[in-house]
Structure formats: C-alpha cells, structure tokens
Amino acid sequence: MHEMSIALSILDIVKNEAEKANSKKITEIVMEIGNLAGVEIEALEFAMKACLTEDLVKDCALKIKTIDALSLCNDCLKEFECENLFSVCPHCGSYSSKLIKGQEMSVKSIVVD
C-alpha cells in the first residue's frame, strides 16, 4: 500500500509549512489528485487518518478534490476527457494523444491556528 508512504510525505510537507508559520495546530489539509495519478483515494484517506496522531495534526480535516484527466489529440489537436492513457479521441478516432491533466497530486492549502 504505497498510499501510506504518500500520507507520510504529505504530513512532512504540511508539518514543515506549519513550523515555518510558527503554528501550533493544523486544522485542514486540502489536496488535488488527478484520477490517473495512481492513487486510491479511499486508501489515502485511511492512511492519513492513521497518521494524524501528533498534537500538531490531531483531528485535522482532509479534503481531496479529484481532477478529471484531459488529453490532447496529436492528430486533430482537440482536447478531450479521458478515462485512461489509451483513450480514443472522440473527435477524430485517433489513438495518438498526450495526457495534459490528470496525473497530478498536490497539497493546495493548509489551514493552521
């Protein structure tokens, strides 16, 4: 379950940012994760809850926004939503496309006290 290592990395990031702001408590973490990022959202939420034991992050809310994948067709140059890396272009039927959105994962904001 690589979601546990992701959760630990996220906590390192937010704890470092909270320390820079001289904060005593993190109350909310907001993330964006692409639906093709290779992360099981439910497993990540479970892992995060298991890691939120220190006073700094205890009872911290986790909000995750999923980002739909978007590809650009190399033949007709039109963008389209896709469900996987090998989706066919609905405009021209080409299989030649480039994923331009949907694999990202980022901490968008942290709310601290």
PDB file of N, CA and C in Angstrom:
ATOM      1  N   MET A   1       0.856  -1.185   0.000  1.00  0.00           N
ATOM      2  CA  MET A   1       0.000   0.000   0.000  1.00  0.00           C
ATOM      3  C   MET A   1       0.893   1.236   0.000  1.00  0.00           C
ATOM      4  N   HIS A   2       1.157   1.788  -1.160  1.00  0.00           N
ATOM      5  CA  HIS A   2       2.027   2.954  -1.235  1.00  0.00           C
ATOM      6  C   HIS A   2       1.341   4.222  -0.755  1.00  0.00           C
ATOM      7  N   GLU A   3       0.042   4.168  -0.514  1.00  0.00           N
ATOM      8  CA  GLU A   3      -0.680   5.330   0.000  1.00  0.00           C
ATOM      9  C   GLU A   3      -0.178   5.731   1.389  1.00  0.00           C
ATOM     10  N   MET A   4       0.313   4.770   2.166  1.00  0.00           N
ATOM     11  CA  MET A   4       0.858   5.100   3.488  1.00  0.00           C
ATOM     12  C   MET A   4       2.122   5.951   3.344  1.00  0.00           C
ATOM     13  N   SER A   5       2.999   5.608   2.419  1.00  0.00           N
ATOM     14  CA  SER A   5       4.206   6.429   2.223  1.00  0.00           C
ATOM     15  C   SER A   5       3.836   7.805   1.667  1.00  0.00           C
ATOM     16  N   ILE A   6       2.800   7.872   0.840  1.00  0.00           N
ATOM     17  CA  ILE A   6       2.320   9.169   0.340  1.00  0.00           C
ATOM     18  C   ILE A   6       1.783   9.997   1.504  1.00  0.00           C
ATOM     19  N   ALA A   7       1.001   9.370   2.372  1.00  0.00           N
ATOM     20  CA  ALA A   7       0.446  10.071   3.534  1.00  0.00           C
ATOM     21  C   ALA A   7       1.557  10.619   4.427  1.00  0.00           C
ATOM     22  N   LEU A   8       2.584   9.823   4.653  1.00  0.00           N
ATOM     23  CA  LEU A   8       3.706  10.287   5.487  1.00  0.00           C
ATOM     24  C   LEU A   8       4.437  11.455   4.831  1.00  0.00           C
ATOM     25  N   SER A   9       4.581  11.414   3.514  1.00  0.00           N
ATOM     26  CA  SER A   9       5.225  12.527   2.796  1.00  0.00           C
ATOM     27  C   SER A   9       4.375  13.791   2.873  1.00  0.00           C
ATOM     28  N   ILE A  10       3.069  13.644   2.743  1.00  0.00           N
ATOM     29  CA  ILE A  10       2.167  14.794   2.848  1.00  0.00           C
ATOM     30  C   ILE A  10       2.289  15.411   4.240  1.00  0.00           C
ATOM     31  N   LEU A  11       2.309  14.578   5.259  1.00  0.00           N
ATOM     32  CA  LEU A  11       2.436  15.089   6.628  1.00  0.00           C
ATOM     33  C   LEU A  11       3.761  15.800   6.846  1.00  0.00           C
ATOM     34  N   ASP A  12       4.831  15.302   6.258  1.00  0.00           N
ATOM     35  CA  ASP A  12       6.118  16.003   6.349  1.00  0.00           C
ATOM     36  C   ASP A  12       6.015  17.391   5.737  1.00  0.00           C
ATOM     37  N   ILE A  13       5.380  17.472   4.573  1.00  0.00           N
ATOM     38  CA  ILE A  13       5.230  18.764   3.885  1.00  0.00           C
ATOM     39  C   ILE A  13       4.431  19.737   4.743  1.00  0.00           C
ATOM     40  N   VAL A  14       3.266  19.296   5.232  1.00  0.00           N
ATOM     41  CA  VAL A  14       2.419  20.230   5.978  1.00  0.00           C
ATOM     42  C   VAL A  14       3.020  20.601   7.329  1.00  0.00           C
ATOM     43  N   LYS A  15       3.718  19.661   7.968  1.00  0.00           N
ATOM     44  CA  LYS A  15       4.368  19.993   9.237  1.00  0.00           C
ATOM     45  C   LYS A  15       5.481  21.018   9.033  1.00  0.00           C
ATOM     46  N   ASN A  16       6.255  20.871   7.972  1.00  0.00           N
ATOM     47  CA  ASN A  16       7.300  21.855   7.675  1.00  0.00           C
ATOM     48  C   ASN A  16       6.709  23.232   7.430  1.00  0.00           C
ATOM     49  N   GLU A  17       5.614  23.288   6.687  1.00  0.00           N
ATOM     50  CA  GLU A  17       4.974  24.585   6.405  1.00  0.00           C
ATOM     51  C   GLU A  17       4.381  25.191   7.683  1.00  0.00           C
ATOM     52  N   ALA A  18       3.803  24.359   8.525  1.00  0.00           N
ATOM     53  CA  ALA A  18       3.245  24.856   9.788  1.00  0.00           C
ATOM     54  C   ALA A  18       4.349  25.399  10.692  1.00  0.00           C
ATOM     55  N   GLU A  19       5.485  24.726  10.724  1.00  0.00           N
ATOM     56  CA  GLU A  19       6.612  25.198  11.533  1.00  0.00           C
ATOM     57  C   GLU A  19       7.130  26.533  11.016  1.00  0.00           C
ATOM     58  N   LYS A  20       7.180  26.694   9.677  1.00  0.00           N
ATOM     59  CA  LYS A  20       7.622  27.973   9.103  1.00  0.00           C
ATOM     60  C   LYS A  20       6.697  29.109   9.515  1.00  0.00           C
ATOM     61  N   ALA A  21       5.403  28.796   9.677  1.00  0.00           N
ATOM     62  CA  ALA A  21       4.422  29.817  10.057  1.00  0.00           C
ATOM     63  C   ALA A  21       4.263  29.933  11.574  1.00  0.00           C
ATOM     64  N   ASN A  22       5.106  29.217  12.323  1.00  0.00           N
ATOM     65  CA  ASN A  22       5.027  29.200  13.786  1.00  0.00           C
ATOM     66  C   ASN A  22       3.641  28.820  14.292  1.00  0.00           C
ATOM     67  N   SER A  23       3.025  27.867  13.638  1.00  0.00           N
ATOM     68  CA  SER A  23       1.683  27.420  14.005  1.00  0.00           C
ATOM     69  C   SER A  23       1.758  26.255  14.981  1.00  0.00           C
ATOM     70  N   LYS A  24       0.767  26.183  15.821  1.00  0.00           N
ATOM     71  CA  LYS A  24       0.700  25.117  16.814  1.00  0.00           C
ATOM     72  C   LYS A  24      -0.255  23.997  16.414  1.00  0.00           C
ATOM     73  N   LYS A  25      -1.104  24.236  15.416  1.00  0.00           N
ATOM     74  CA  LYS A  25      -2.112  23.247  15.049  1.00  0.00           C
ATOM     75  C   LYS A  25      -2.480  23.387  13.573  1.00  0.00           C
ATOM     76  N   ILE A  26      -2.568  22.254  12.888  1.00  0.00           N
ATOM     77  CA  ILE A  26      -3.069  22.207  11.510  1.00  0.00           C
ATOM     78  C   ILE A  26      -4.497  21.705  11.592  1.00  0.00           C
ATOM     79  N   THR A  27      -5.435  22.478  11.073  1.00  0.00           N
ATOM     80  CA  THR A  27      -6.844  22.096  11.175  1.00  0.00           C
ATOM     81  C   THR A  27      -7.418  21.531   9.888  1.00  0.00           C
ATOM     82  N   GLU A  28      -6.766  21.829   8.748  1.00  0.00           N
ATOM     83  CA  GLU A  28      -7.297  21.332   7.469  1.00  0.00           C
ATOM     84  C   GLU A  28      -6.188  21.234   6.431  1.00  0.00           C
ATOM     85  N   ILE A  29      -6.250  20.167   5.655  1.00  0.00           N
ATOM     86  CA  ILE A  29      -5.353  19.976   4.512  1.00  0.00           C
ATOM     87  C   ILE A  29      -6.238  19.795   3.287  1.00  0.00           C
ATOM     88  N   VAL A  30      -5.989  20.601   2.253  1.00  0.00           N
ATOM     89  CA  VAL A  30      -6.746  20.498   1.011  1.00  0.00           C
ATOM     90  C   VAL A  30      -5.799  20.019  -0.081  1.00  0.00           C
ATOM     91  N   MET A  31      -6.204  18.941  -0.765  1.00  0.00           N
ATOM     92  CA  MET A  31      -5.370  18.353  -1.811  1.00  0.00           C
ATOM     93  C   MET A  31      -6.135  18.249  -3.115  1.00  0.00           C
ATOM     94  N   GLU A  32      -5.382  18.198  -4.212  1.00  0.00           N
ATOM     95  CA  GLU A  32      -5.930  17.886  -5.531  1.00  0.00           C
ATOM     96  C   GLU A  32      -5.179  16.672  -6.057  1.00  0.00           C
ATOM     97  N   ILE A  33      -5.952  15.677  -6.515  1.00  0.00           N
ATOM     98  CA  ILE A  33      -5.356  14.449  -7.027  1.00  0.00           C
ATOM     99  C   ILE A  33      -6.035  14.089  -8.340  1.00  0.00           C
ATOM    100  N   GLY A  34      -5.234  13.902  -9.385  1.00  0.00           N
ATOM    101  CA  GLY A  34      -5.763  13.500 -10.680  1.00  0.00           C
ATOM    102  C   GLY A  34      -6.277  12.075 -10.634  1.00  0.00           C
ATOM    103  N   ASN A  35      -7.336  11.806 -11.407  1.00  0.00           N
ATOM    104  CA  ASN A  35      -7.911  10.458 -11.375  1.00  0.00           C
ATOM    105  C   ASN A  35      -7.027   9.424 -12.065  1.00  0.00           C
ATOM    106  N   LEU A  36      -5.945   9.846 -12.711  1.00  0.00           N
ATOM    107  CA  LEU A  36      -4.975   8.917 -13.284  1.00  0.00           C
ATOM    108  C   LEU A  36      -3.620   9.007 -12.566  1.00  0.00           C
ATOM    109  N   ALA A  37      -3.621   9.493 -11.329  1.00  0.00           N
ATOM    110  CA  ALA A  37      -2.385   9.646 -10.558  1.00  0.00           C
ATOM    111  C   ALA A  37      -1.903   8.322  -9.979  1.00  0.00           C
ATOM    112  N   GLY A  38      -2.723   7.297 -10.047  1.00  0.00           N
ATOM    113  CA  GLY A  38      -2.320   6.004  -9.500  1.00  0.00           C
ATOM    114  C   GLY A  38      -2.466   5.928  -7.989  1.00  0.00           C
ATOM    115  N   VAL A  39      -3.357   6.744  -7.442  1.00  0.00           N
ATOM    116  CA  VAL A  39      -3.581   6.782  -6.001  1.00  0.00           C
ATOM    117  C   VAL A  39      -5.028   6.384  -5.722  1.00  0.00           C
ATOM    118  N   GLU A  40      -5.211   5.445  -4.816  1.00  0.00           N
ATOM    119  CA  GLU A  40      -6.551   5.072  -4.365  1.00  0.00           C
ATOM    120  C   GLU A  40      -6.948   6.071  -3.285  1.00  0.00           C
ATOM    121  N   ILE A  41      -7.930   6.919  -3.592  1.00  0.00           N
ATOM    122  CA  ILE A  41      -8.329   8.000  -2.686  1.00  0.00           C
ATOM    123  C   ILE A  41      -8.744   7.451  -1.320  1.00  0.00           C
ATOM    124  N   GLU A  42      -9.559   6.401  -1.310  1.00  0.00           N
ATOM    125  CA  GLU A  42     -10.032   5.844  -0.039  1.00  0.00           C
ATOM    126  C   GLU A  42      -8.864   5.310   0.796  1.00  0.00           C
ATOM    127  N   ALA A  43      -7.913   4.671   0.148  1.00  0.00           N
ATOM    128  CA  ALA A  43      -6.740   4.150   0.862  1.00  0.00           C
ATOM    129  C   ALA A  43      -5.888   5.296   1.405  1.00  0.00           C
ATOM    130  N   LEU A  44      -5.766   6.379   0.643  1.00  0.00           N
ATOM    131  CA  LEU A  44      -5.006   7.536   1.114  1.00  0.00           C
ATOM    132  C   LEU A  44      -5.704   8.177   2.309  1.00  0.00           C
ATOM    133  N   GLU A  45      -7.021   8.318   2.244  1.00  0.00           N
ATOM    134  CA  GLU A  45      -7.763   8.880   3.374  1.00  0.00           C
ATOM    135  C   GLU A  45      -7.578   8.021   4.628  1.00  0.00           C
ATOM    136  N   PHE A  46      -7.639   6.703   4.468  1.00  0.00           N
ATOM    137  CA  PHE A  46      -7.436   5.787   5.594  1.00  0.00           C
ATOM    138  C   PHE A  46      -6.025   5.944   6.165  1.00  0.00           C
ATOM    139  N   ALA A  47      -5.035   6.002   5.287  1.00  0.00           N
ATOM    140  CA  ALA A  47      -3.646   6.154   5.727  1.00  0.00           C
ATOM    141  C   ALA A  47      -3.431   7.489   6.432  1.00  0.00           C
ATOM    142  N   MET A  48      -4.026   8.540   5.895  1.00  0.00           N
ATOM    143  CA  MET A  48      -3.885   9.856   6.522  1.00  0.00           C
ATOM    144  C   MET A  48      -4.487   9.855   7.929  1.00  0.00           C
ATOM    145  N   LYS A  49      -5.669   9.259   8.072  1.00  0.00           N
ATOM    146  CA  LYS A  49      -6.302   9.216   9.393  1.00  0.00           C
ATOM    147  C   LYS A  49      -5.449   8.440  10.384  1.00  0.00           C
ATOM    148  N   ALA A  50      -4.802   7.387   9.909  1.00  0.00           N
ATOM    149  CA  ALA A  50      -3.935   6.603  10.782  1.00  0.00           C
ATOM    150  C   ALA A  50      -2.699   7.397  11.210  1.00  0.00           C
ATOM    151  N   CYS A  51      -2.281   8.355  10.395  1.00  0.00           N
ATOM    152  CA  CYS A  51      -1.072   9.139  10.680  1.00  0.00           C
ATOM    153  C   CYS A  51      -1.351  10.408  11.495  1.00  0.00           C
ATOM    154  N   LEU A  52      -2.602  10.806  11.594  1.00  0.00           N
ATOM    155  CA  LEU A  52      -2.941  12.065  12.262  1.00  0.00           C
ATOM    156  C   LEU A  52      -3.040  11.882  13.775  1.00  0.00           C
ATOM    157  N   THR A  53      -1.928  11.516  14.383  1.00  0.00           N
ATOM    158  CA  THR A  53      -1.929  11.236  15.820  1.00  0.00           C
ATOM    159  C   THR A  53      -1.167  12.283  16.630  1.00  0.00           C
ATOM    160  N   GLU A  54      -0.240  12.984  16.024  1.00  0.00           N
ATOM    161  CA  GLU A  54       0.523  14.003  16.752  1.00  0.00           C
ATOM    162  C   GLU A  54      -0.379  15.191  17.070  1.00  0.00           C
ATOM    163  N   ASP A  55      -0.058  15.904  18.130  1.00  0.00           N
ATOM    164  CA  ASP A  55      -0.867  17.060  18.535  1.00  0.00           C
ATOM    165  C   ASP A  55      -1.011  18.082  17.416  1.00  0.00           C
ATOM    166  N   LEU A  56       0.030  18.287  16.642  1.00  0.00           N
ATOM    167  CA  LEU A  56       0.008  19.282  15.567  1.00  0.00           C
ATOM    168  C   LEU A  56      -1.068  18.988  14.528  1.00  0.00           C
ATOM    169  N   VAL A  57      -1.340  17.723  14.272  1.00  0.00           N
ATOM    170  CA  VAL A  57      -2.289  17.356  13.212  1.00  0.00           C
ATOM    171  C   VAL A  57      -3.500  16.566  13.716  1.00  0.00           C
ATOM    172  N   LYS A  58      -3.598  16.373  15.014  1.00  0.00           N
ATOM    173  CA  LYS A  58      -4.723  15.605  15.560  1.00  0.00           C
ATOM    174  C   LYS A  58      -6.043  16.285  15.210  1.00  0.00           C
ATOM    175  N   ASP A  59      -7.002  15.510  14.761  1.00  0.00           N
ATOM    176  CA  ASP A  59      -8.332  15.987  14.361  1.00  0.00           C
ATOM    177  C   ASP A  59      -8.302  16.900  13.133  1.00  0.00           C
ATOM    178  N   CYS A  60      -7.261  16.829  12.357  1.00  0.00           N
ATOM    179  CA  CYS A  60      -7.136  17.619  11.127  1.00  0.00           C
ATOM    180  C   CYS A  60      -8.102  17.080  10.065  1.00  0.00           C
ATOM    181  N   ALA A  61      -8.794  17.985   9.378  1.00  0.00           N
ATOM    182  CA  ALA A  61      -9.702  17.585   8.296  1.00  0.00           C
ATOM    183  C   ALA A  61      -8.916  17.463   6.999  1.00  0.00           C
ATOM    184  N   LEU A  62      -9.221  16.438   6.229  1.00  0.00           N
ATOM    185  CA  LEU A  62      -8.587  16.230   4.930  1.00  0.00           C
ATOM    186  C   LEU A  62      -9.639  16.371   3.847  1.00  0.00           C
ATOM    187  N   LYS A  63      -9.418  17.292   2.924  1.00  0.00           N
ATOM    188  CA  LYS A  63     -10.328  17.485   1.804  1.00  0.00           C
ATOM    189  C   LYS A  63      -9.567  17.181   0.521  1.00  0.00           C
ATOM    190  N   ILE A  64     -10.132  16.297  -0.293  1.00  0.00           N
ATOM    191  CA  ILE A  64      -9.480  15.907  -1.536  1.00  0.00           C
ATOM    192  C   ILE A  64     -10.405  16.208  -2.709  1.00  0.00           C
ATOM    193  N   LYS A  65      -9.887  16.978  -3.652  1.00  0.00           N
ATOM    194  CA  LYS A  65     -10.607  17.270  -4.889  1.00  0.00           C
ATOM    195  C   LYS A  65      -9.969  16.425  -5.992  1.00  0.00           C
ATOM    196  N   THR A  66     -10.776  15.660  -6.696  1.00  0.00           N
ATOM    197  CA  THR A  66     -10.232  14.862  -7.790  1.00  0.00           C
ATOM    198  C   THR A  66     -10.264  15.679  -9.084  1.00  0.00           C
ATOM    199  N   ILE A  67      -9.228  15.522  -9.866  1.00  0.00           N
ATOM    200  CA  ILE A  67      -9.079  16.231 -11.133  1.00  0.00           C
ATOM    201  C   ILE A  67      -9.306  15.235 -12.267  1.00  0.00           C
ATOM    202  N   ASP A  68     -10.262  15.532 -13.143  1.00  0.00           N
ATOM    203  CA  ASP A  68     -10.531  14.668 -14.288  1.00  0.00           C
ATOM    204  C   ASP A  68      -9.384  14.746 -15.285  1.00  0.00           C
ATOM    205  N   ALA A  69      -9.076  13.603 -15.881  1.00  0.00           N
ATOM    206  CA  ALA A  69      -7.983  13.541 -16.856  1.00  0.00           C
ATOM    207  C   ALA A  69      -8.408  14.203 -18.165  1.00  0.00           C
ATOM    208  N   LEU A  70      -7.446  14.855 -18.801  1.00  0.00           N
ATOM    209  CA  LEU A  70      -7.674  15.548 -20.066  1.00  0.00           C
ATOM    210  C   LEU A  70      -6.509  15.241 -20.997  1.00  0.00           C
ATOM    211  N   SER A  71      -6.839  14.888 -22.223  1.00  0.00           N
ATOM    212  CA  SER A  71      -5.810  14.585 -23.224  1.00  0.00           C
ATOM    213  C   SER A  71      -5.926  15.556 -24.392  1.00  0.00           C
ATOM    214  N   LEU A  72      -4.819  15.684 -25.120  1.00  0.00           N
ATOM    215  CA  LEU A  72      -4.783  16.479 -26.342  1.00  0.00           C
ATOM    216  C   LEU A  72      -4.466  15.527 -27.487  1.00  0.00           C
ATOM    217  N   CYS A  73      -5.343  15.501 -28.477  1.00  0.00           N
ATOM    218  CA  CYS A  73      -5.146  14.630 -29.636  1.00  0.00           C
ATOM    219  C   CYS A  73      -3.999  15.174 -30.485  1.00  0.00           C
ATOM    220  N   ASN A  74      -3.073  14.308 -30.828  1.00  0.00           N
ATOM    221  CA  ASN A  74      -1.942  14.709 -31.658  1.00  0.00           C
ATOM    222  C   ASN A  74      -2.323  14.909 -33.113  1.00  0.00           C
ATOM    223  N   ASP A  75      -3.462  14.351 -33.540  1.00  0.00           N
ATOM    224  CA  ASP A  75      -3.871  14.465 -34.943  1.00  0.00           C
ATOM    225  C   ASP A  75      -4.786  15.660 -35.198  1.00  0.00           C
ATOM    226  N   CYS A  76      -5.867  15.792 -34.428  1.00  0.00           N
ATOM    227  CA  CYS A  76      -6.809  16.903 -34.682  1.00  0.00           C
ATOM    228  C   CYS A  76      -6.601  18.083 -33.742  1.00  0.00           C
ATOM    229  N   LEU A  77      -5.697  17.921 -32.754  1.00  0.00           N
ATOM    230  CA  LEU A  77      -5.320  18.975 -31.802  1.00  0.00           C
ATOM    231  C   LEU A  77      -6.483  19.450 -30.932  1.00  0.00           C
ATOM    232  N   LYS A  78      -7.466  18.578 -30.690  1.00  0.00           N
ATOM    233  CA  LYS A  78      -8.576  18.923 -29.808  1.00  0.00           C
ATOM    234  C   LYS A  78      -8.382  18.219 -28.466  1.00  0.00           C
ATOM    235  N   GLU A  79      -8.833  18.881 -27.405  1.00  0.00           N
ATOM    236  CA  GLU A  79      -8.774  18.317 -26.074  1.00  0.00           C
ATOM    237  C   GLU A  79     -10.009  17.467 -25.809  1.00  0.00           C
ATOM    238  N   PHE A  80      -9.828  16.420 -25.000  1.00  0.00           N
ATOM    239  CA  PHE A  80     -10.962  15.583 -24.615  1.00  0.00           C
ATOM    240  C   PHE A  80     -10.701  14.929 -23.267  1.00  0.00           C
ATOM    241  N   GLU A  81     -11.800  14.701 -22.519  1.00  0.00           N
ATOM    242  CA  GLU A  81     -11.685  13.986 -21.255  1.00  0.00           C
ATOM    243  C   GLU A  81     -11.428  12.520 -21.544  1.00  0.00           C
ATOM    244  N   CYS A  82     -10.580  11.910 -20.715  1.00  0.00           N
ATOM    245  CA  CYS A  82     -10.237  10.509 -20.944  1.00  0.00           C
ATOM    246  C   CYS A  82     -10.304   9.728 -19.638  1.00  0.00           C
ATOM    247  N   GLU A  83     -10.501   8.416 -19.773  1.00  0.00           N
ATOM    248  CA  GLU A  83     -10.581   7.551 -18.608  1.00  0.00           C
ATOM    249  C   GLU A  83      -9.298   6.777 -18.378  1.00  0.00           C
ATOM    250  N   ASN A  84      -8.409   6.741 -19.386  1.00  0.00           N
ATOM    251  CA  ASN A  84      -7.129   6.057 -19.245  1.00  0.00           C
ATOM    252  C   ASN A  84      -6.138   6.658 -20.246  1.00  0.00           C
ATOM    253  N   LEU A  85      -4.921   6.156 -20.216  1.00  0.00           N
ATOM    254  CA  LEU A  85      -3.871   6.706 -21.088  1.00  0.00           C
ATOM    255  C   LEU A  85      -4.061   6.335 -22.556  1.00  0.00           C
ATOM    256  N   PHE A  86      -4.926   5.389 -22.830  1.00  0.00           N
ATOM    257  CA  PHE A  86      -5.088   4.897 -24.199  1.00  0.00           C
ATOM    258  C   PHE A  86      -6.476   5.177 -24.755  1.00  0.00           C
ATOM    259  N   SER A  87      -7.108   6.229 -24.297  1.00  0.00           N
ATOM    260  CA  SER A  87      -8.443   6.577 -24.769  1.00  0.00           C
ATOM    261  C   SER A  87      -8.398   7.074 -26.206  1.00  0.00           C
ATOM    262  N   VAL A  88      -9.417   6.734 -26.947  1.00  0.00           N
ATOM    263  CA  VAL A  88      -9.531   7.163 -28.337  1.00  0.00           C
ATOM    264  C   VAL A  88     -10.122   8.579 -28.376  1.00  0.00           C
ATOM    265  N   CYS A  89      -9.636   9.389 -29.291  1.00  0.00           N
ATOM    266  CA  CYS A  89     -10.142  10.747 -29.443  1.00  0.00           C
ATOM    267  C   CYS A  89     -11.594  10.679 -29.953  1.00  0.00           C
ATOM    268  N   PRO A  90     -12.528  11.286 -29.244  1.00  0.00           N
ATOM    269  CA  PRO A  90     -13.918  11.249 -29.680  1.00  0.00           C
ATOM    270  C   PRO A  90     -14.188  12.134 -30.896  1.00  0.00           C
ATOM    271  N   HIS A  91     -13.234  12.991 -31.246  1.00  0.00           N
ATOM    272  CA  HIS A  91     -13.418  13.910 -32.368  1.00  0.00           C
ATOM    273  C   HIS A  91     -12.995  13.293 -33.694  1.00  0.00           C
ATOM    274  N   CYS A  92     -11.876  12.553 -33.681  1.00  0.00           N
ATOM    275  CA  CYS A  92     -11.360  12.023 -34.951  1.00  0.00           C
ATOM    276  C   CYS A  92     -11.069  10.522 -34.927  1.00  0.00           C
ATOM    277  N   GLY A  93     -11.173   9.880 -33.760  1.00  0.00           N
ATOM    278  CA  GLY A  93     -10.939   8.443 -33.668  1.00  0.00           C
ATOM    279  C   GLY A  93      -9.480   8.043 -33.524  1.00  0.00           C
ATOM    280  N   SER A  94      -8.589   8.993 -33.369  1.00  0.00           N
ATOM    281  CA  SER A  94      -7.165   8.697 -33.251  1.00  0.00           C
ATOM    282  C   SER A  94      -6.829   8.155 -31.859  1.00  0.00           C
ATOM    283  N   TYR A  95      -5.831   7.280 -31.810  1.00  0.00           N
ATOM    284  CA  TYR A  95      -5.305   6.785 -30.544  1.00  0.00           C
ATOM    285  C   TYR A  95      -4.047   7.540 -30.140  1.00  0.00           C
ATOM    286  N   SER A  96      -3.633   8.501 -30.935  1.00  0.00           N
ATOM    287  CA  SER A  96      -2.422   9.267 -30.675  1.00  0.00           C
ATOM    288  C   SER A  96      -2.780  10.531 -29.896  1.00  0.00           C
ATOM    289  N   SER A  97      -2.498  10.501 -28.608  1.00  0.00           N
ATOM    290  CA  SER A  97      -2.820  11.669 -27.790  1.00  0.00           C
ATOM    291  C   SER A  97      -1.793  11.817 -26.671  1.00  0.00           C
ATOM    292  N   LYS A  98      -1.826  12.984 -26.047  1.00  0.00           N
ATOM    293  CA  LYS A  98      -0.911  13.300 -24.955  1.00  0.00           C
ATOM    294  C   LYS A  98      -1.744  13.711 -23.747  1.00  0.00           C
ATOM    295  N   LEU A  99      -1.489  13.082 -22.611  1.00  0.00           N
ATOM    296  CA  LEU A  99      -2.183  13.433 -21.380  1.00  0.00           C
ATOM    297  C   LEU A  99      -1.683  14.790 -20.902  1.00  0.00           C
ATOM    298  N   ILE A 100      -2.589  15.737 -20.702  1.00  0.00           N
ATOM    299  CA  ILE A 100      -2.179  17.072 -20.271  1.00  0.00           C
ATOM    300  C   ILE A 100      -2.650  17.400 -18.852  1.00  0.00           C
ATOM    301  N   LYS A 101      -3.534  16.580 -18.313  1.00  0.00           N
ATOM    302  CA  LYS A 101      -4.016  16.803 -16.953  1.00  0.00           C
ATOM    303  C   LYS A 101      -4.588  15.490 -16.431  1.00  0.00           C
ATOM    304  N   GLY A 102      -4.377  15.225 -15.151  1.00  0.00           N
ATOM    305  CA  GLY A 102      -4.982  14.055 -14.545  1.00  0.00           C
ATOM    306  C   GLY A 102      -4.035  13.161 -13.771  1.00  0.00           C
ATOM    307  N   GLN A 103      -2.723  13.430 -13.852  1.00  0.00           N
ATOM    308  CA  GLN A 103      -1.762  12.626 -13.096  1.00  0.00           C
ATOM    309  C   GLN A 103      -1.156  13.393 -11.919  1.00  0.00           C
ATOM    310  N   GLU A 104      -1.609  14.625 -11.708  1.00  0.00           N
ATOM    311  CA  GLU A 104      -1.011  15.446 -10.669  1.00  0.00           C
ATOM    312  C   GLU A 104      -1.533  15.082  -9.282  1.00  0.00           C
ATOM    313  N   MET A 105      -0.747  15.433  -8.283  1.00  0.00           N
ATOM    314  CA  MET A 105      -1.135  15.298  -6.889  1.00  0.00           C
ATOM    315  C   MET A 105      -0.431  16.425  -6.153  1.00  0.00           C
ATOM    316  N   SER A 106      -1.214  17.266  -5.474  1.00  0.00           N
ATOM    317  CA  SER A 106      -0.593  18.383  -4.788  1.00  0.00           C
ATOM    318  C   SER A 106      -1.379  18.783  -3.547  1.00  0.00           C
ATOM    319  N   VAL A 107      -0.652  19.353  -2.596  1.00  0.00           N
ATOM    320  CA  VAL A 107      -1.270  19.978  -1.436  1.00  0.00           C
ATOM    321  C   VAL A 107      -1.585  21.410  -1.856  1.00  0.00           C
ATOM    322  N   LYS A 108      -2.862  21.744  -1.931  1.00  0.00           N
ATOM    323  CA  LYS A 108      -3.267  23.071  -2.399  1.00  0.00           C
ATOM    324  C   LYS A 108      -3.271  24.100  -1.289  1.00  0.00           C
ATOM    325  N   SER A 109      -3.697  23.687  -0.095  1.00  0.00           N
ATOM    326  CA  SER A 109      -3.700  24.645   1.011  1.00  0.00           C
ATOM    327  C   SER A 109      -3.672  23.920   2.348  1.00  0.00           C
ATOM    328  N   ILE A 110      -3.253  24.667   3.342  1.00  0.00           N
ATOM    329  CA  ILE A 110      -3.186  24.170   4.709  1.00  0.00           C
ATOM    330  C   ILE A 110      -3.799  25.258   5.598  1.00  0.00           C
ATOM    331  N   VAL A 111      -4.732  24.877   6.451  1.00  0.00           N
ATOM    332  CA  VAL A 111      -5.312  25.817   7.390  1.00  0.00           C
ATOM    333  C   VAL A 111      -4.697  25.538   8.758  1.00  0.00           C
ATOM    334  N   VAL A 112      -4.127  26.577   9.359  1.00  0.00           N
ATOM    335  CA  VAL A 112      -3.435  26.435  10.643  1.00  0.00           C
ATOM    336  C   VAL A 112      -3.991  27.409  11.663  1.00  0.00           C
ATOM    337  N   ASP A 113      -3.747  27.096  12.916  1.00  0.00           N
ATOM    338  CA  ASP A 113      -4.102  28.017  14.023  1.00  0.00           C
ATOM    339  C   ASP A 113      -2.831  28.579  14.609  1.00  0.00           C
TER     340      ASP A 113
END
